[in-house]
C-alpha atoms as a PDB file:
ATOM      1  CA  MET A   1      19.151   6.978  14.331  1.00  0.00           C
ATOM      2  CA  THR A   2      17.922  10.149  12.833  1.00  0.00           C
ATOM      3  CA  GLU A   3      15.260  12.412  14.481  1.00  0.00           C
ATOM      4  CA  ILE A   4      12.116  10.707  15.768  1.00  0.00           C
ATOM      5  CA  ASP A   5       8.969  11.747  13.885  1.00  0.00           C
ATOM      6  CA  TRP A   6       6.530  11.613  16.591  1.00  0.00           C
ATOM      7  CA  ASP A   7       3.551  12.783  14.354  1.00  0.00           C
ATOM      8  CA  ALA A   8       3.981   9.872  12.192  1.00  0.00           C
ATOM      9  CA  LEU A   9       4.534   7.467  15.008  1.00  0.00           C
ATOM     10  CA  ARG A  10       1.297   8.811  16.692  1.00  0.00           C
ATOM     11  CA  LEU A  11      -0.600   8.514  13.213  1.00  0.00           C
ATOM     12  CA  ALA A  12       0.623   4.836  13.241  1.00  0.00           C
ATOM     13  CA  ALA A  13      -0.831   4.475  16.962  1.00  0.00           C
ATOM     14  CA  ASN A  14      -4.016   6.109  15.853  1.00  0.00           C
ATOM     15  CA  GLU A  15      -4.467   3.730  12.642  1.00  0.00           C
ATOM     16  CA  ALA A  16      -3.864   0.770  14.902  1.00  0.00           C
ATOM     17  CA  MET A  17      -6.334   1.902  17.513  1.00  0.00           C
ATOM     18  CA  HIS A  18      -8.969   1.989  14.794  1.00  0.00           C
ATOM     19  CA  LYS A  19      -8.702  -1.735  14.471  1.00  0.00           C
ATOM     20  CA  SER A  20      -8.920  -2.588  18.136  1.00  0.00           C
ATOM     21  CA  TYR A  21     -11.393  -5.069  19.241  1.00  0.00           C
ATOM     22  CA  SER A  22     -12.672  -3.869  22.357  1.00  0.00           C
ATOM     23  CA  PRO A  23     -16.508  -4.566  22.877  1.00  0.00           C
ATOM     24  CA  TYR A  24     -16.239  -5.182  26.546  1.00  0.00           C
ATOM     25  CA  SER A  25     -14.264  -2.075  27.703  1.00  0.00           C
ATOM     26  CA  LYS A  26     -15.324   0.036  24.989  1.00  0.00           C
ATOM     27  CA  PHE A  27     -11.558   1.354  25.478  1.00  0.00           C
ATOM     28  CA  PRO A  28      -9.835   1.040  22.178  1.00  0.00           C
ATOM     29  CA  VAL A  29      -5.792   1.445  22.428  1.00  0.00           C
ATOM     30  CA  GLY A  30      -3.246   1.500  19.672  1.00  0.00           C
ATOM     31  CA  ALA A  31       0.522   1.403  19.898  1.00  0.00           C
ATOM     32  CA  ALA A  32       3.323   2.135  17.698  1.00  0.00           C
ATOM     33  CA  ALA A  33       6.991   2.124  17.832  1.00  0.00           C
ATOM     34  CA  LEU A  34      10.226   2.910  15.824  1.00  0.00           C
ATOM     35  CA  VAL A  35      12.591  -0.115  15.366  1.00  0.00           C
ATOM     36  CA  ASP A  36      16.256   0.314  15.322  1.00  0.00           C
ATOM     37  CA  ASP A  37      16.302  -0.558  11.623  1.00  0.00           C
ATOM     38  CA  GLY A  38      13.873   2.201  10.762  1.00  0.00           C
ATOM     39  CA  ARG A  39      10.549   0.108  10.607  1.00  0.00           C
ATOM     40  CA  VAL A  40       7.513   1.161  12.455  1.00  0.00           C
ATOM     41  CA  VAL A  41       5.562  -1.513  14.183  1.00  0.00           C
ATOM     42  CA  SER A  42       2.231  -1.180  15.600  1.00  0.00           C
ATOM     43  CA  GLY A  43      -0.475  -3.011  17.534  1.00  0.00           C
ATOM     44  CA  CYS A  44      -3.995  -2.685  18.906  1.00  0.00           C
ATOM     45  CA  ASN A  45      -5.698  -4.217  22.126  1.00  0.00           C
ATOM     46  CA  VAL A  46      -7.951  -7.196  21.384  1.00  0.00           C
ATOM     47  CA  GLU A  47     -10.444  -8.153  23.910  1.00  0.00           C
ATOM     48  CA  ASN A  48     -11.856 -11.461  24.941  1.00  0.00           C
ATOM     49  CA  ALA A  49     -15.231 -12.528  26.498  1.00  0.00           C
ATOM     50  CA  SER A  50     -13.375 -14.028  29.586  1.00  0.00           C
ATOM     51  CA  TYR A  51     -11.809 -10.629  30.098  1.00  0.00           C
ATOM     52  CA  GLY A  52      -8.630 -11.549  31.717  1.00  0.00           C
ATOM     53  CA  VAL A  53      -7.056 -13.019  28.503  1.00  0.00           C
ATOM     54  CA  GLY A  54      -7.286  -9.967  26.377  1.00  0.00           C
ATOM     55  CA  LEU A  55      -4.240  -8.762  24.712  1.00  0.00           C
ATOM     56  CA  CYS A  56      -2.860  -5.343  25.245  1.00  0.00           C
ATOM     57  CA  ALA A  57      -1.682  -3.120  22.236  1.00  0.00           C
ATOM     58  CA  GLU A  58       1.816  -3.571  23.416  1.00  0.00           C
ATOM     59  CA  CYS A  59       1.682  -7.250  23.125  1.00  0.00           C
ATOM     60  CA  ALA A  60       0.325  -6.999  19.667  1.00  0.00           C
ATOM     61  CA  LEU A  61       3.077  -4.605  18.811  1.00  0.00           C
ATOM     62  CA  VAL A  62       5.890  -6.908  20.200  1.00  0.00           C
ATOM     63  CA  SER A  63       4.329  -9.827  18.279  1.00  0.00           C
ATOM     64  CA  SER A  64       4.432  -7.732  15.148  1.00  0.00           C
ATOM     65  CA  LEU A  65       8.008  -6.955  15.860  1.00  0.00           C
ATOM     66  CA  ALA A  66       8.940 -10.547  16.004  1.00  0.00           C
ATOM     67  CA  MET A  67       6.826 -11.502  13.119  1.00  0.00           C
ATOM     68  CA  THR A  68       8.590  -8.741  10.837  1.00  0.00           C
ATOM     69  CA  GLY A  69      12.260  -9.454  11.482  1.00  0.00           C
ATOM     70  CA  GLY A  70      12.818  -8.464  15.422  1.00  0.00           C
ATOM     71  CA  GLY A  71      15.128  -5.791  16.209  1.00  0.00           C
ATOM     72  CA  LYS A  72      15.168  -3.272  19.246  1.00  0.00           C
ATOM     73  CA  LEU A  73      12.532  -0.709  19.783  1.00  0.00           C
ATOM     74  CA  VAL A  74      13.899   2.757  20.001  1.00  0.00           C
ATOM     75  CA  ALA A  75      10.658   5.142  20.245  1.00  0.00           C
ATOM     76  CA  PHE A  76       7.286   4.256  21.403  1.00  0.00           C
ATOM     77  CA  THR A  77       3.776   5.837  21.841  1.00  0.00           C
ATOM     78  CA  CYS A  78       0.335   4.495  22.809  1.00  0.00           C
ATOM     79  CA  VAL A  79      -2.919   6.085  22.289  1.00  0.00           C
ATOM     80  CA  ASP A  80      -6.513   5.848  23.573  1.00  0.00           C
ATOM     81  CA  GLY A  81      -9.659   6.076  21.469  1.00  0.00           C
ATOM     82  CA  LEU A  82      -9.596   9.751  21.339  1.00  0.00           C
ATOM     83  CA  GLY A  83      -6.046   9.895  20.298  1.00  0.00           C
ATOM     84  CA  ASN A  84      -4.810  10.909  23.816  1.00  0.00           C
ATOM     85  CA  VAL A  85      -1.317   9.613  24.804  1.00  0.00           C
ATOM     86  CA  LEU A  86      -1.477   6.627  27.226  1.00  0.00           C
ATOM     87  CA  MET A  87       1.148   5.415  29.640  1.00  0.00           C
ATOM     88  CA  PRO A  88       1.775   1.589  29.324  1.00  0.00           C
ATOM     89  CA  CYS A  89       0.879  -0.288  32.559  1.00  0.00           C
ATOM     90  CA  GLY A  90       3.729  -1.965  34.511  1.00  0.00           C
ATOM     91  CA  ARG A  91       3.371  -5.378  32.874  1.00  0.00           C
ATOM     92  CA  CYS A  92       3.685  -3.652  29.346  1.00  0.00           C
ATOM     93  CA  ARG A  93       6.772  -1.602  30.424  1.00  0.00           C
ATOM     94  CA  GLN A  94       8.299  -4.777  31.404  1.00  0.00           C
ATOM     95  CA  LEU A  95       7.462  -6.256  27.787  1.00  0.00           C
ATOM     96  CA  LEU A  96       8.686  -3.178  26.073  1.00  0.00           C
ATOM     97  CA  TYR A  97      11.960  -3.350  28.197  1.00  0.00           C
ATOM     98  CA  GLU A  98      12.707  -6.700  27.000  1.00  0.00           C
ATOM     99  CA  PHE A  99      12.634  -5.532  23.368  1.00  0.00           C
ATOM    100  CA  SER A 100      14.026  -2.114  23.820  1.00  0.00           C
ATOM    101  CA  ALA A 101      17.514  -0.659  22.560  1.00  0.00           C
ATOM    102  CA  GLU A 102      19.225   1.014  25.556  1.00  0.00           C
ATOM    103  CA  GLY A 103      17.599   4.434  26.185  1.00  0.00           C
ATOM    104  CA  MET A 104      14.410   3.839  24.373  1.00  0.00           C
ATOM    105  CA  ILE A 105      12.148   6.750  24.298  1.00  0.00           C
ATOM    106  CA  LEU A 106       8.452   6.672  25.407  1.00  0.00           C
ATOM    107  CA  GLU A 107       5.947   9.404  24.838  1.00  0.00           C
ATOM    108  CA  THR A 108       4.176   9.614  28.243  1.00  0.00           C
ATOM    109  CA  VAL A 109       1.340  11.551  29.773  1.00  0.00           C
ATOM    110  CA  SER A 110       3.905  13.534  31.649  1.00  0.00           C
ATOM    111  CA  GLY A 111       6.432  14.023  28.441  1.00  0.00           C
ATOM    112  CA  PHE A 112       9.210  12.058  26.879  1.00  0.00           C
ATOM    113  CA  ARG A 113      10.984   9.714  29.194  1.00  0.00           C
ATOM    114  CA  THR A 114      13.379   6.750  28.683  1.00  0.00           C
ATOM    115  CA  ILE A 115      12.574   3.076  29.318  1.00  0.00           C
ATOM    116  CA  ASP A 116      14.871   3.358  32.269  1.00  0.00           C
ATOM    117  CA  GLN A 117      12.925   6.372  33.696  1.00  0.00           C
ATOM    118  CA  VAL A 118       9.523   4.573  33.454  1.00  0.00           C
ATOM    119  CA  LEU A 119      10.779   1.279  34.692  1.00  0.00           C
ATOM    120  CA  PRO A 120      13.780   2.138  37.088  1.00  0.00           C
ATOM    121  CA  ASP A 121      16.047  -0.799  38.171  1.00  0.00           C
ATOM    122  CA  ALA A 122      14.522  -3.067  35.569  1.00  0.00           C
ATOM    123  CA  PHE A 123      15.550  -6.695  34.942  1.00  0.00           C
ATOM    124  CA  GLY A 124      15.918  -8.057  31.649  1.00  0.00           C
ATOM    125  CA  PRO A 125      18.155  -9.131  28.861  1.00  0.00           C
ATOM    126  CA  ARG A 126      20.829  -6.480  29.407  1.00  0.00           C
ATOM    127  CA  GLN A 127      21.233  -7.651  33.065  1.00  0.00           C
ATOM    128  CA  LEU A 128      21.479 -11.301  32.071  1.00  0.00           C
ATOM    129  CA  ASP A 129      23.997 -10.514  29.478  1.00  0.00           C
ATOM    130  CA  ALA A 130      26.040  -8.633  32.119  1.00  0.00           C
ATOM    131  CA  TYR A 131      25.769 -11.677  34.577  1.00  0.00           C
ATOM    132  CA  ALA A 132      26.897 -14.164  31.857  1.00  0.00           C
ATOM    133  CA  ALA A 133      29.890 -12.031  31.031  1.00  0.00           C
ATOM    134  CA  SER A 134      30.873 -11.637  34.784  1.00  0.00           C
ATOM    135  CA  THR A 135      30.511 -15.315  35.299  1.00  0.00           C
ATOM    136  CA  ALA A 136      32.539 -16.064  32.154  1.00  0.00           C
ATOM    137  CA  ALA A 137      35.308 -13.855  33.330  1.00  0.00           C
ATOM    138  CA  ALA A 138      35.292 -15.346  36.680  1.00  0.00           C
ATOM    139  CA  ASN A 139      36.036 -18.979  35.308  1.00  0.00           C
END
């Protein structure tokens, strides 16, 4: 993978943020990520009158990833309504981990971090694959 254009990724996140449906919290969020094949996927938060069933920008981003051919996320950023970088919540970090390339880089409020740094000791597809390989070797 070549150098990551963080300015372009932040611009895509800001464009997504402007499409947010956030009439209840008044807190629009946009997210964008670079995919291992060079595509950029993005998403925005979509709220609901019942509050708890709103969709995070990260959820919309992962849906976009699936709908446009899949792949693994290699770089990610998320912004608020002012364009400030946001840190994904724990649930969204787990969601991002599920679709991340090993070593995916996130732009965070404290700088650039890998997915393993923001979700240490995570459990996901890589661990399931390792377990399947070890049980196959044991049989």
